[in-house]
Amino acid sequence: MNKRDKQDAEKDKDKDKAARLAALSPFELKDELIKAAGGGAVERPANLAMLNAGRGNPNFVATIPRHGFWQLGLFAMREAERSFAYLPEGVGGFPKRDGLVERFELFLRGNKGVPGIAFLASAVSYVRDQLGLSASDFLYEMCEGILASNYPVPDRMLKLSEVIVGQYLRREMIGKHPFIGEFDIFAVEGGTAAMTYIFNTMRQNHLIKSGDTIALGMPIFTPYIEIPGLNDYQLAVVDVNADVEKNWQYSKKELDKLRDPKVKAFFLVNPSNPPSVRISDESLQYVAEIVNERPDLILLTDDVYGTFADDFVSLFALAPKNTILVYSYSKYFGATGWRLGTIVTHRDNIFDRLIGELPKDVKKELHHRYESITTEPDKLKFIDRLVADSRTVALNHTAGLSTPQQVQMVLFSLFSLMDTPDAYKKALKRLIRSRKRALYDGIGITFDDSDINQVDYYTILDMEFLGERAYGREFVEWLLKNTEPSELLFRLAREARVVVLPGRGFGTQHPSGRVSLANLNESDYRKIGQAIRTLLGDYVERYNAATGNTLDRNKVL
């Protein structure tokens, strides 16, 4: 068998395998693509490295607040050793409040110039002078927290930590938008834990039940598609589709699906995943107007990528009483391993009201569920039910995010609050945008980067849209007829050792691939673009051979 025959045989295998694996989640399919990138019969240099652009995990980290964390840990250890200084066998104690600020200042002076020290000094000043909090109370909470010497108290979130994280969320999620009232925060183990807890507590408290209909803003992070269909929930789903031809914005016609009273809730990711486009101000306002007409509509907005956008405003700011806000520190600070997330609800919200309006028999059931943790279970707020349910109620007394995690969350928040020039945000935007430009240059795609709603943490390559733009509808029809949705991805993995995720798994309407712009270097994205270009050129030649047309494989998309 010659080389060409071997390649054709491998292509046939790809088509069969792609068809069998089409039902997998994109994150499960990724593992199969990685296997394909590491094996196969196509010859390649032995030292050619695999380029995995399927991972959303960034390859950058916020260094300054991490330096601050480790230096704070050293100070806290000194305080612990000081408490039981008469026991030299490695036994320490809790920090002492008296003189804590003075000892901290001595620690700062003694370590002047050490990375993280200047940040800690500024952080304490900011907490005291700008937020009006006690420096002594703040330092004690941070020292006790970083030592992990006590249970999280309160279990929902440490007291001053909630205030500081709340200020960060106000800055990044609400900004200058008018906002009335206060909100509560539940610190959780990343955005994935937030999703799990919210779905579960909504079900436990009959805010959604089997057979109910929810709407999803599509495309969307895959678990939002998968969870409603699980046996635990069995929800019907209405897709609210963003349009690639309108830069991934929702039309009013699509948003009008939310007017249907059978739609109990609307879940969305903003900025979107995978297109990485924030919802336009006009669309946010339109949703808020629908909520005014439908005051019982539950909104869940997952805004993990909002901090990559300038002047971002969350749907939570426009419809706070109806909205559950999910935010994670994972991507912006390069902290996926820390598992830092938040669930936010307004103190005057419809979730508490809807629970209060449940039938008597259901209220009785819920009374029994929560009576072991409070003398007034009927008055337990929705967000505190989230906390209890996160530990199956019976273990509510040990609920809460680990205190060292909360300390790092606070330091990340203070780093951002004190960065008034937004130097860190601007640096990340430059980094990501340069990677996108390299990718698109490699493919041969021209693009307009002036869209203020484009965030670019990911980019999605819609093959139907791009193919029609470059080669016409006839070519697209031929491509769709003669290839399986994942065939291009498997060929890209085996022949070029490039891994991207299938857009279909995120609910895109056309065959596409999601490329993360966060986890590789600029030169890698140029190579990925060139590999995609080569693969597309091969399909153009196959089309020409099959149809007698003479399309130019090197045409700029």
Protein backbone atom coordinates (compact mmCIF):
# COMPACT_ATOMS: atom_id res chain seq x y z
CA MET A 1 0.00 0.00 0.00
CA ASN A 2 1.51 3.34 -1.03
CA LYS A 3 1.54 6.48 1.13
CA ARG A 4 -1.52 7.99 -0.55
CA ASP A 5 -3.54 4.78 -0.06
CA LYS A 6 -2.53 4.74 3.59
CA GLN A 7 -3.71 8.32 3.98
CA ASP A 8 -7.05 7.50 2.31
CA ALA A 9 -7.46 4.50 4.61
CA GLU A 10 -6.81 6.67 7.63
CA LYS A 11 -9.37 9.21 6.40
CA ASP A 12 -11.99 6.46 6.15
CA LYS A 13 -11.17 5.40 9.71
CA ASP A 14 -11.58 9.00 10.80
CA LYS A 15 -15.06 9.20 9.30
CA ASP A 16 -16.18 6.02 11.01
CA LYS A 17 -14.68 6.97 14.35
CA ALA A 18 -16.06 10.51 14.20
CA ALA A 19 -19.55 9.15 13.61
CA ARG A 20 -19.29 6.80 16.60
CA LEU A 21 -17.95 9.47 18.92
CA ALA A 22 -20.33 12.23 17.85
CA ALA A 23 -22.48 11.76 20.94
CA LEU A 24 -19.61 12.38 23.37
CA SER A 25 -19.19 15.58 25.34
CA PRO A 26 -16.50 17.78 23.73
CA PHE A 27 -14.38 17.33 26.85
CA GLU A 28 -14.58 13.53 26.53
CA LEU A 29 -14.04 13.74 22.78
CA LYS A 30 -10.93 15.82 23.51
CA ASP A 31 -9.27 12.75 25.01
CA GLU A 32 -9.90 10.81 21.80
CA LEU A 33 -8.48 13.68 19.76
CA ILE A 34 -5.38 13.71 21.95
CA LYS A 35 -4.96 9.98 21.33
CA ALA A 36 -5.25 10.61 17.61
CA ALA A 37 -2.65 13.37 17.83
CA GLY A 38 -0.24 11.00 19.55
CA GLY A 39 -0.62 8.03 17.18
CA GLY A 40 -1.75 7.02 13.71
CA ALA A 41 -0.01 5.85 10.59
CA VAL A 42 0.77 9.21 8.96
CA GLU A 43 4.51 9.87 8.94
CA ARG A 44 5.75 12.84 10.94
CA PRO A 45 8.99 13.97 12.57
CA ALA A 46 9.50 12.20 15.88
CA ASN A 47 10.02 15.46 17.74
CA LEU A 48 6.90 17.23 16.47
CA ALA A 49 5.01 18.43 19.58
CA MET A 50 1.25 18.17 19.96
CA LEU A 51 -0.53 21.55 20.14
CA ASN A 52 -3.58 21.24 22.38
CA ALA A 53 -5.80 24.27 21.82
CA GLY A 54 -8.76 22.47 23.35
CA ARG A 55 -7.86 23.38 26.92
CA GLY A 56 -9.45 26.43 28.49
CA ASN A 57 -6.81 26.44 31.22
CA PRO A 58 -4.66 29.59 30.75
CA ASN A 59 -0.87 29.47 30.63
CA PHE A 60 -0.59 32.78 32.50
CA VAL A 61 -0.91 33.48 36.23
CA ALA A 62 -1.33 36.60 38.35
CA THR A 63 1.98 36.73 40.22
CA ILE A 64 1.67 39.72 42.56
CA PRO A 65 -1.26 38.45 44.69
CA ARG A 66 0.38 35.03 44.82
CA HIS A 67 3.58 36.55 46.18
CA GLY A 68 1.38 38.30 48.71
CA PHE A 69 -0.23 35.01 49.70
CA TRP A 70 3.08 33.31 50.47
CA GLN A 71 4.44 36.28 52.42
CA LEU A 72 1.22 36.49 54.41
CA GLY A 73 1.62 32.79 55.13
CA LEU A 74 5.11 33.36 56.53
CA PHE A 75 3.83 36.13 58.79
CA ALA A 76 0.94 33.96 59.98
CA MET A 77 3.38 31.16 60.79
CA ARG A 78 5.44 33.55 62.93
CA GLU A 79 2.26 34.48 64.77
CA ALA A 80 1.38 30.81 65.31
CA GLU A 81 4.84 30.01 66.67
CA ARG A 82 4.75 33.08 68.88
CA SER A 83 1.56 31.85 70.59
CA PHE A 84 3.17 28.67 71.96
CA ALA A 85 6.80 29.73 72.02
CA TYR A 86 7.41 27.69 75.17
CA LEU A 87 6.80 24.46 73.21
CA PRO A 88 9.73 23.90 70.84
CA GLU A 89 8.41 20.60 69.48
CA GLY A 90 6.68 22.16 66.47
CA VAL A 91 3.49 23.15 68.29
CA GLY A 92 1.95 26.50 67.45
CA GLY A 93 -1.27 28.29 68.27
CA PHE A 94 -3.80 30.75 66.97
CA PRO A 95 -2.71 34.31 66.16
CA LYS A 96 -3.12 36.92 68.92
CA ARG A 97 -5.17 40.02 68.16
CA ASP A 98 -3.33 42.34 70.51
CA GLY A 99 -0.49 44.13 68.72
CA LEU A 100 -1.11 42.23 65.48
CA VAL A 101 -0.98 45.34 63.27
CA GLU A 102 2.23 46.59 64.89
CA ARG A 103 3.92 43.22 64.47
CA PHE A 104 2.79 43.10 60.85
CA GLU A 105 4.35 46.51 60.20
CA LEU A 106 7.64 45.28 61.70
CA PHE A 107 7.40 42.23 59.42
CA LEU A 108 6.93 44.48 56.39
CA ARG A 109 9.90 46.69 57.29
CA GLY A 110 12.10 43.67 57.93
CA ASN A 111 11.28 42.23 54.49
CA LYS A 112 11.30 45.40 52.43
CA GLY A 113 12.00 44.67 48.77
CA VAL A 114 10.85 41.06 48.97
CA PRO A 115 8.21 40.28 46.28
CA GLY A 116 4.69 40.49 47.72
CA ILE A 117 5.58 42.74 50.67
CA ALA A 118 4.71 46.04 49.00
CA PHE A 119 1.45 44.51 47.79
CA LEU A 120 0.51 43.39 51.32
CA ALA A 121 1.30 46.82 52.74
CA SER A 122 -0.91 48.47 50.11
CA ALA A 123 -3.65 45.90 50.65
CA VAL A 124 -3.92 46.57 54.37
CA SER A 125 -3.93 50.33 53.74
CA TYR A 126 -6.64 49.93 51.11
CA VAL A 127 -8.80 47.81 53.40
CA ARG A 128 -8.46 50.35 56.22
CA ASP A 129 -8.54 53.66 54.31
CA GLN A 130 -10.72 52.90 51.27
CA LEU A 131 -13.07 50.21 52.55
CA GLY A 132 -13.26 51.53 56.14
CA LEU A 133 -12.59 48.14 57.72
CA SER A 134 -10.50 47.42 60.80
CA ALA A 135 -6.91 46.58 59.86
CA SER A 136 -6.61 44.43 62.99
CA ASP A 137 -9.77 42.45 62.22
CA PHE A 138 -8.72 42.03 58.60
CA LEU A 139 -5.24 40.76 59.47
CA TYR A 140 -6.62 38.39 62.09
CA GLU A 141 -9.13 36.92 59.61
CA MET A 142 -6.41 36.54 56.97
CA CYS A 143 -3.88 34.96 59.37
CA GLU A 144 -6.37 32.55 60.87
CA GLY A 145 -7.67 31.80 57.39
CA ILE A 146 -4.31 31.11 55.78
CA LEU A 147 -3.32 28.87 58.70
CA ALA A 148 -6.58 26.96 58.18
CA SER A 149 -6.78 26.64 61.96
CA ASN A 150 -10.54 26.97 62.23
CA TYR A 151 -13.72 26.06 60.41
CA PRO A 152 -15.06 28.67 57.98
CA VAL A 153 -17.22 30.96 60.14
CA PRO A 154 -19.69 32.03 58.88
CA ASP A 155 -19.91 28.91 56.74
CA ARG A 156 -21.21 30.78 53.70
CA MET A 157 -18.13 33.03 53.64
CA LEU A 158 -15.75 34.69 56.09
CA LYS A 159 -17.19 38.01 57.23
CA LEU A 160 -14.65 40.56 55.96
CA SER A 161 -13.76 38.37 53.00
CA GLU A 162 -17.36 38.66 51.80
CA VAL A 163 -17.19 42.45 52.05
CA ILE A 164 -13.96 42.66 50.03
CA VAL A 165 -15.00 40.12 47.39
CA GLY A 166 -18.31 41.99 47.19
CA GLN A 167 -16.44 45.21 46.36
CA TYR A 168 -14.51 43.39 43.64
CA LEU A 169 -17.70 41.99 42.12
CA ARG A 170 -19.32 45.42 42.22
CA ARG A 171 -16.39 46.86 40.30
CA GLU A 172 -16.16 44.10 37.71
CA MET A 173 -19.77 42.94 37.32
CA ILE A 174 -21.79 46.10 38.00
CA GLY A 175 -19.38 48.97 37.36
CA LYS A 176 -21.07 52.34 37.05
CA HIS A 177 -24.52 50.90 36.39
CA PRO A 178 -27.11 52.10 38.94
CA PHE A 179 -27.65 49.42 41.56
CA ILE A 180 -29.98 49.51 44.54
CA GLY A 181 -29.65 47.23 47.55
CA GLU A 182 -27.12 44.71 48.82
CA PHE A 183 -26.22 41.18 47.82
CA ASP A 184 -25.01 38.02 49.53
CA ILE A 185 -22.11 35.83 48.42
CA PHE A 186 -21.48 32.11 48.80
CA ALA A 187 -17.80 31.19 48.22
CA VAL A 188 -17.61 27.87 46.39
CA GLU A 189 -15.12 25.49 44.79
CA GLY A 190 -15.05 27.12 41.37
CA GLY A 191 -17.75 27.71 38.78
CA THR A 192 -18.42 23.99 38.34
CA ALA A 193 -19.36 23.63 42.01
CA ALA A 194 -21.57 26.69 41.66
CA MET A 195 -23.47 25.04 38.80
CA THR A 196 -23.87 21.79 40.74
CA TYR A 197 -25.13 23.51 43.88
CA ILE A 198 -27.55 25.80 42.04
CA PHE A 199 -29.17 23.05 39.97
CA ASN A 200 -29.51 20.86 43.05
CA THR A 201 -30.97 23.50 45.40
CA MET A 202 -33.39 24.75 42.76
CA ARG A 203 -34.64 21.18 42.39
CA GLN A 204 -34.74 20.50 46.14
CA ASN A 205 -36.77 23.68 46.69
CA HIS A 206 -39.13 23.11 43.76
CA LEU A 207 -38.03 26.18 41.81
CA ILE A 208 -37.56 23.77 38.93
CA LYS A 209 -38.96 20.25 38.76
CA SER A 210 -39.02 17.34 36.37
CA GLY A 211 -40.83 18.25 33.15
CA ASP A 212 -40.30 22.01 33.53
CA THR A 213 -38.94 24.04 30.65
CA ILE A 214 -35.82 26.18 30.83
CA ALA A 215 -34.09 28.25 28.16
CA LEU A 216 -30.37 28.15 27.37
CA GLY A 217 -28.46 30.93 25.65
CA MET A 218 -26.66 29.00 22.91
CA PRO A 219 -23.85 28.26 22.33
CA ILE A 220 -23.01 27.63 25.96
CA PHE A 221 -20.59 25.78 28.26
CA THR A 222 -21.39 22.10 27.67
CA PRO A 223 -22.53 21.07 31.19
CA TYR A 224 -25.42 23.52 30.96
CA ILE A 225 -26.61 21.45 27.99
CA GLU A 226 -25.99 18.09 29.64
CA ILE A 227 -27.25 18.62 33.21
CA PRO A 228 -30.94 19.36 32.36
CA GLY A 229 -31.25 15.98 30.66
CA LEU A 230 -29.98 13.96 33.60
CA ASN A 231 -32.41 11.74 35.49
CA ASP A 232 -32.12 14.08 38.47
CA TYR A 233 -33.73 16.89 36.50
CA GLN A 234 -35.36 15.79 33.20
CA LEU A 235 -35.96 19.34 32.06
CA ALA A 236 -37.19 20.43 28.66
CA VAL A 237 -34.89 22.93 26.97
CA VAL A 238 -35.61 25.84 24.65
CA ASP A 239 -32.56 27.08 22.72
CA VAL A 240 -32.05 30.83 22.46
CA ASN A 241 -29.55 30.94 19.62
CA ALA A 242 -26.92 33.58 18.98
CA ASP A 243 -26.21 34.28 15.30
CA VAL A 244 -22.66 33.96 13.94
CA GLU A 245 -23.52 36.39 11.14
CA LYS A 246 -24.44 39.01 13.77
CA ASN A 247 -21.21 38.55 15.71
CA TRP A 248 -22.83 35.99 18.01
CA GLN A 249 -25.54 38.29 19.35
CA TYR A 250 -29.12 37.27 20.18
CA SER A 251 -31.86 38.69 18.02
CA LYS A 252 -35.02 40.05 19.61
CA LYS A 253 -36.89 37.20 17.96
CA GLU A 254 -34.76 34.66 19.83
CA LEU A 255 -34.99 36.52 23.14
CA ASP A 256 -38.76 36.72 22.74
CA LYS A 257 -38.81 32.98 23.48
CA LEU A 258 -38.40 34.04 27.12
CA ARG A 259 -41.86 35.61 27.06
CA ASP A 260 -43.43 32.15 27.02
CA PRO A 261 -44.74 31.59 30.59
CA LYS A 262 -43.81 27.90 30.46
CA VAL A 263 -40.10 28.92 30.44
CA LYS A 264 -39.20 28.88 34.14
CA ALA A 265 -35.56 29.98 33.85
CA PHE A 266 -32.99 31.33 31.42
CA PHE A 267 -29.37 30.20 31.82
CA LEU A 268 -26.58 31.93 29.93
CA VAL A 269 -22.82 32.42 29.87
CA ASN A 270 -21.75 36.03 29.34
CA PRO A 271 -19.32 36.59 27.64
CA SER A 272 -20.21 33.44 25.78
CA ASN A 273 -18.32 30.17 25.65
CA PRO A 274 -17.06 29.40 23.06
CA PRO A 275 -17.55 32.55 20.92
CA SER A 276 -16.20 34.81 23.73
CA VAL A 277 -18.59 37.64 22.93
CA ARG A 278 -20.39 39.60 25.60
CA ILE A 279 -24.09 40.26 25.20
CA SER A 280 -24.70 43.70 23.78
CA ASP A 281 -26.10 46.45 25.99
CA GLU A 282 -29.23 46.47 23.85
CA SER A 283 -29.86 42.76 24.37
CA LEU A 284 -29.27 43.01 28.13
CA GLN A 285 -31.78 45.82 28.32
CA TYR A 286 -34.24 43.80 26.23
CA VAL A 287 -33.97 40.86 28.64
CA ALA A 288 -34.52 43.24 31.56
CA GLU A 289 -37.68 44.52 29.87
CA ILE A 290 -38.93 40.95 29.47
CA VAL A 291 -38.29 40.38 33.17
CA ASN A 292 -40.44 43.42 33.97
CA GLU A 293 -43.26 41.67 32.10
CA ARG A 294 -42.38 38.29 33.63
CA PRO A 295 -41.35 38.99 37.24
CA ASP A 296 -41.26 35.24 38.00
CA LEU A 297 -38.57 34.46 35.39
CA ILE A 298 -35.40 33.06 36.97
CA LEU A 299 -32.09 34.13 35.43
CA LEU A 300 -28.71 32.47 35.90
CA THR A 301 -25.75 34.30 34.40
CA ASP A 302 -22.29 32.70 34.42
CA ASP A 303 -19.91 35.64 33.96
CA VAL A 304 -16.50 34.02 34.42
CA TYR A 305 -15.08 35.78 31.34
CA GLY A 306 -16.57 39.19 32.17
CA THR A 307 -13.33 40.42 33.71
CA PHE A 308 -11.58 40.17 30.33
CA ALA A 309 -13.92 42.84 28.93
CA ASP A 310 -13.72 46.60 29.35
CA ASP A 311 -16.62 48.21 31.23
CA PHE A 312 -18.43 44.90 31.58
CA VAL A 313 -21.98 44.99 32.96
CA SER A 314 -23.63 41.77 34.09
CA LEU A 315 -27.29 40.94 33.64
CA PHE A 316 -27.25 40.82 37.44
CA ALA A 317 -26.87 44.61 37.40
CA LEU A 318 -30.00 45.11 35.27
CA ALA A 319 -32.28 42.49 36.83
CA PRO A 320 -30.72 41.80 40.25
CA LYS A 321 -33.81 40.45 42.01
CA ASN A 322 -34.31 37.74 39.38
CA THR A 323 -30.68 36.82 38.78
CA ILE A 324 -28.23 34.34 40.24
CA LEU A 325 -24.71 35.47 39.38
CA VAL A 326 -21.91 32.93 39.07
CA TYR A 327 -18.33 34.15 38.90
CA SER A 328 -15.04 32.24 38.99
CA TYR A 329 -11.51 33.53 39.54
CA SER A 330 -10.06 30.61 37.59
CA LYS A 331 -9.44 32.10 34.16
CA TYR A 332 -8.68 35.76 34.85
CA PHE A 333 -6.07 35.06 37.52
CA GLY A 334 -4.81 31.78 36.05
CA ALA A 335 -6.09 29.93 39.10
CA THR A 336 -8.02 26.89 37.88
CA GLY A 337 -6.30 24.69 40.45
CA TRP A 338 -7.35 26.95 43.34
CA ARG A 339 -11.06 26.26 42.64
CA LEU A 340 -12.32 29.72 43.52
CA GLY A 341 -15.88 30.70 42.67
CA THR A 342 -18.83 32.68 43.95
CA ILE A 343 -22.61 32.51 43.86
CA VAL A 344 -24.30 35.88 44.32
CA THR A 345 -27.94 36.76 45.00
CA HIS A 346 -29.62 40.06 45.81
CA ARG A 347 -30.98 40.20 49.35
CA ASP A 348 -34.41 41.04 47.95
CA ASN A 349 -34.90 38.28 45.39
CA ILE A 350 -37.61 36.24 43.72
CA PHE A 351 -36.12 32.91 44.83
CA ASP A 352 -37.03 33.56 48.46
CA ARG A 353 -40.44 34.84 47.35
CA LEU A 354 -41.17 31.81 45.15
CA ILE A 355 -40.21 29.45 47.97
CA GLY A 356 -42.52 31.38 50.27
CA GLU A 357 -45.41 30.89 47.79
CA LEU A 358 -45.05 27.11 47.53
CA PRO A 359 -48.05 24.93 48.51
CA LYS A 360 -48.40 24.03 52.18
CA ASP A 361 -47.49 20.38 51.71
CA VAL A 362 -44.29 21.33 49.90
CA LYS A 363 -43.44 23.89 52.59
CA LYS A 364 -43.92 21.20 55.19
CA GLU A 365 -41.50 18.94 53.34
CA LEU A 366 -38.90 21.73 53.18
CA HIS A 367 -39.48 22.61 56.82
CA HIS A 368 -38.51 19.07 57.73
CA ARG A 369 -35.49 19.15 55.39
CA TYR A 370 -33.91 22.19 57.05
CA GLU A 371 -35.23 22.03 60.64
CA SER A 372 -32.03 20.45 61.97
CA ILE A 373 -29.99 23.59 61.18
CA THR A 374 -32.32 26.42 62.19
CA THR A 375 -35.24 27.03 64.52
CA GLU A 376 -37.01 28.90 61.71
CA PRO A 377 -36.48 26.78 58.57
CA ASP A 378 -39.28 28.54 56.69
CA LYS A 379 -37.28 31.78 56.83
CA LEU A 380 -34.03 30.25 55.58
CA LYS A 381 -32.83 32.24 52.57
CA PHE A 382 -32.25 30.58 49.22
CA ILE A 383 -28.51 31.28 49.33
CA ASP A 384 -28.26 29.68 52.79
CA ARG A 385 -30.18 26.69 51.49
CA LEU A 386 -27.44 26.43 48.86
CA VAL A 387 -24.87 26.25 51.66
CA ALA A 388 -26.83 23.58 53.55
CA ASP A 389 -27.55 21.50 50.46
CA SER A 390 -23.88 21.62 49.48
CA ARG A 391 -23.24 19.40 52.53
CA THR A 392 -26.48 17.40 52.33
CA VAL A 393 -27.91 19.58 55.13
CA ALA A 394 -26.80 17.21 57.89
CA LEU A 395 -23.19 18.39 57.53
CA ASN A 396 -24.08 22.06 57.26
CA HIS A 397 -21.97 22.80 60.35
CA THR A 398 -18.84 21.91 58.34
CA ALA A 399 -19.84 23.67 55.12
CA GLY A 400 -17.88 26.41 53.46
CA LEU A 401 -14.92 26.91 51.16
CA SER A 402 -11.55 26.19 52.82
CA THR A 403 -10.20 29.31 54.46
CA PRO A 404 -6.83 29.41 52.60
CA GLN A 405 -8.84 29.43 49.37
CA GLN A 406 -10.88 32.35 50.66
CA VAL A 407 -7.69 34.23 51.58
CA GLN A 408 -6.31 33.84 48.05
CA MET A 409 -9.68 34.95 46.69
CA VAL A 410 -9.47 38.09 48.83
CA LEU A 411 -5.92 38.85 47.69
CA PHE A 412 -6.91 38.43 44.04
CA SER A 413 -9.82 40.79 44.66
CA LEU A 414 -7.66 43.43 46.34
CA PHE A 415 -5.08 43.18 43.55
CA SER A 416 -7.77 44.07 41.03
CA LEU A 417 -9.40 46.75 43.20
CA MET A 418 -6.07 48.54 43.67
CA ASP A 419 -5.13 48.26 39.97
CA THR A 420 -7.03 51.39 38.96
CA PRO A 421 -5.14 51.77 35.64
CA ASP A 422 -6.26 48.20 34.81
CA ALA A 423 -2.66 47.38 33.86
CA TYR A 424 -3.15 43.64 34.46
CA LYS A 425 -6.35 43.50 32.41
CA LYS A 426 -4.78 45.43 29.53
CA ALA A 427 -1.76 43.11 29.53
CA LEU A 428 -4.00 40.03 29.28
CA LYS A 429 -6.01 41.58 26.48
CA ARG A 430 -2.84 42.36 24.51
CA LEU A 431 -1.59 38.83 25.07
CA ILE A 432 -4.80 37.12 23.95
CA ARG A 433 -5.46 39.45 21.02
CA SER A 434 -1.94 38.89 19.62
CA ARG A 435 -2.57 35.13 19.74
CA LYS A 436 -5.85 35.49 17.86
CA ARG A 437 -4.16 37.60 15.20
CA ALA A 438 -1.45 34.97 14.75
CA LEU A 439 -4.06 32.19 14.44
CA TYR A 440 -6.13 34.07 11.89
CA ASP A 441 -3.07 35.14 9.89
CA GLY A 442 -2.03 31.50 9.73
CA ILE A 443 -5.44 30.42 8.44
CA GLY A 444 -5.67 33.35 6.05
CA ILE A 445 -8.77 34.87 7.65
CA THR A 446 -9.31 38.60 7.68
CA PHE A 447 -11.19 39.86 10.72
CA ASP A 448 -12.33 43.09 12.29
CA ASP A 449 -11.13 43.44 15.88
CA SER A 450 -13.01 46.68 16.54
CA ASP A 451 -16.12 44.99 17.98
CA ILE A 452 -16.27 46.19 21.59
CA ASN A 453 -18.23 43.06 22.58
CA GLN A 454 -15.48 40.68 21.45
CA VAL A 455 -13.51 39.27 24.40
CA ASP A 456 -11.38 36.64 22.60
CA TYR A 457 -10.56 34.21 25.40
CA TYR A 458 -11.72 31.61 22.88
CA THR A 459 -12.47 31.88 19.22
CA ILE A 460 -14.84 29.63 17.32
CA LEU A 461 -14.13 28.74 13.72
CA ASP A 462 -17.52 28.22 12.08
CA MET A 463 -16.68 26.18 9.00
CA GLU A 464 -20.05 26.68 7.33
CA PHE A 465 -19.91 30.47 7.76
CA LEU A 466 -16.24 30.81 6.80
CA GLY A 467 -16.45 28.25 4.00
CA GLU A 468 -19.41 29.97 2.37
CA ARG A 469 -17.73 33.35 2.69
CA ALA A 470 -14.60 32.11 0.94
CA TYR A 471 -15.78 29.47 -1.52
CA GLY A 472 -19.54 29.80 -1.90
CA ARG A 473 -22.56 27.84 -0.81
CA GLU A 474 -22.03 24.98 -3.28
CA PHE A 475 -18.70 24.11 -1.67
CA VAL A 476 -20.26 24.20 1.81
CA GLU A 477 -23.09 21.89 0.74
CA TRP A 478 -20.54 19.44 -0.69
CA LEU A 479 -18.42 19.60 2.47
CA LEU A 480 -21.39 18.95 4.77
CA LYS A 481 -22.53 16.04 2.62
CA ASN A 482 -19.13 14.38 2.35
CA THR A 483 -17.72 14.78 5.85
CA GLU A 484 -18.83 13.82 9.34
CA PRO A 485 -18.99 16.76 11.82
CA SER A 486 -15.85 15.65 13.67
CA GLU A 487 -13.89 14.30 10.71
CA LEU A 488 -11.98 17.54 10.21
CA LEU A 489 -11.03 17.58 13.89
CA PHE A 490 -9.68 14.03 13.79
CA ARG A 491 -7.69 14.67 10.64
CA LEU A 492 -6.30 17.84 12.18
CA ALA A 493 -5.32 15.89 15.29
CA ARG A 494 -3.60 13.01 13.48
CA GLU A 495 -2.05 14.77 10.52
CA ALA A 496 -0.98 18.01 12.21
CA ARG A 497 -1.10 16.99 15.90
CA VAL A 498 -3.42 19.90 16.62
CA VAL A 499 -6.34 19.47 19.04
CA VAL A 500 -9.39 21.75 19.04
CA LEU A 501 -12.83 21.05 20.49
CA PRO A 502 -16.00 20.52 18.42
CA GLY A 503 -18.30 23.53 18.50
CA ARG A 504 -21.35 21.28 18.19
CA GLY A 505 -20.76 20.10 21.74
CA PHE A 506 -21.35 23.67 22.92
CA GLY A 507 -24.57 24.00 20.96
CA THR A 508 -23.36 25.80 17.83
CA GLN A 509 -25.66 25.32 14.88
CA HIS A 510 -22.91 24.77 12.29
CA PRO A 511 -19.85 22.47 12.18
CA SER A 512 -17.10 24.37 13.97
CA GLY A 513 -14.09 24.14 16.23
CA ARG A 514 -13.38 25.95 19.50
CA VAL A 515 -9.83 27.23 19.86
CA SER A 516 -8.67 28.42 23.26
CA LEU A 517 -6.46 31.51 22.94
CA ALA A 518 -5.30 31.27 26.53
CA ASN A 519 -3.08 28.22 26.81
CA LEU A 520 -0.41 28.30 24.08
CA ASN A 521 2.21 30.73 22.81
CA GLU A 522 1.74 33.09 19.88
CA SER A 523 3.97 31.06 17.55
CA ASP A 524 1.91 27.95 18.33
CA TYR A 525 -1.28 29.65 17.19
CA ARG A 526 0.35 30.60 13.92
CA LYS A 527 1.26 26.92 13.41
CA ILE A 528 -2.30 25.87 14.27
CA GLY A 529 -3.66 28.36 11.76
CA GLN A 530 -1.35 27.06 9.05
CA ALA A 531 -2.38 23.46 9.81
CA ILE A 532 -6.05 24.38 9.51
CA ARG A 533 -5.31 26.20 6.26
CA THR A 534 -3.58 23.13 4.84
CA LEU A 535 -6.49 20.89 5.79
CA LEU A 536 -9.04 23.24 4.23
CA GLY A 537 -6.93 23.36 1.07
CA ASP A 538 -7.08 19.58 0.86
CA TYR A 539 -10.88 19.65 0.98
CA VAL A 540 -10.95 22.34 -1.70
CA GLU A 541 -8.85 20.10 -3.97
CA ARG A 542 -11.11 17.13 -3.26
CA TYR A 543 -14.13 19.29 -4.09
CA ASN A 544 -12.52 20.45 -7.34
CA ALA A 545 -11.74 16.85 -8.31
CA ALA A 546 -15.28 15.71 -7.51
CA THR A 547 -17.14 18.57 -9.22
CA GLY A 548 -14.82 19.85 -11.93
CA ASN A 549 -14.66 23.29 -10.32
CA THR A 550 -11.44 25.29 -10.00
CA LEU A 551 -11.58 26.96 -6.59
CA ASP A 552 -8.34 28.49 -5.38
CA ARG A 553 -7.21 26.69 -2.22
CA ASN A 554 -5.17 29.74 -1.17
CA LYS A 555 -8.05 32.21 -1.29
CA VAL A 556 -8.17 34.51 1.74
CA LEU A 557 -11.14 33.70 3.96
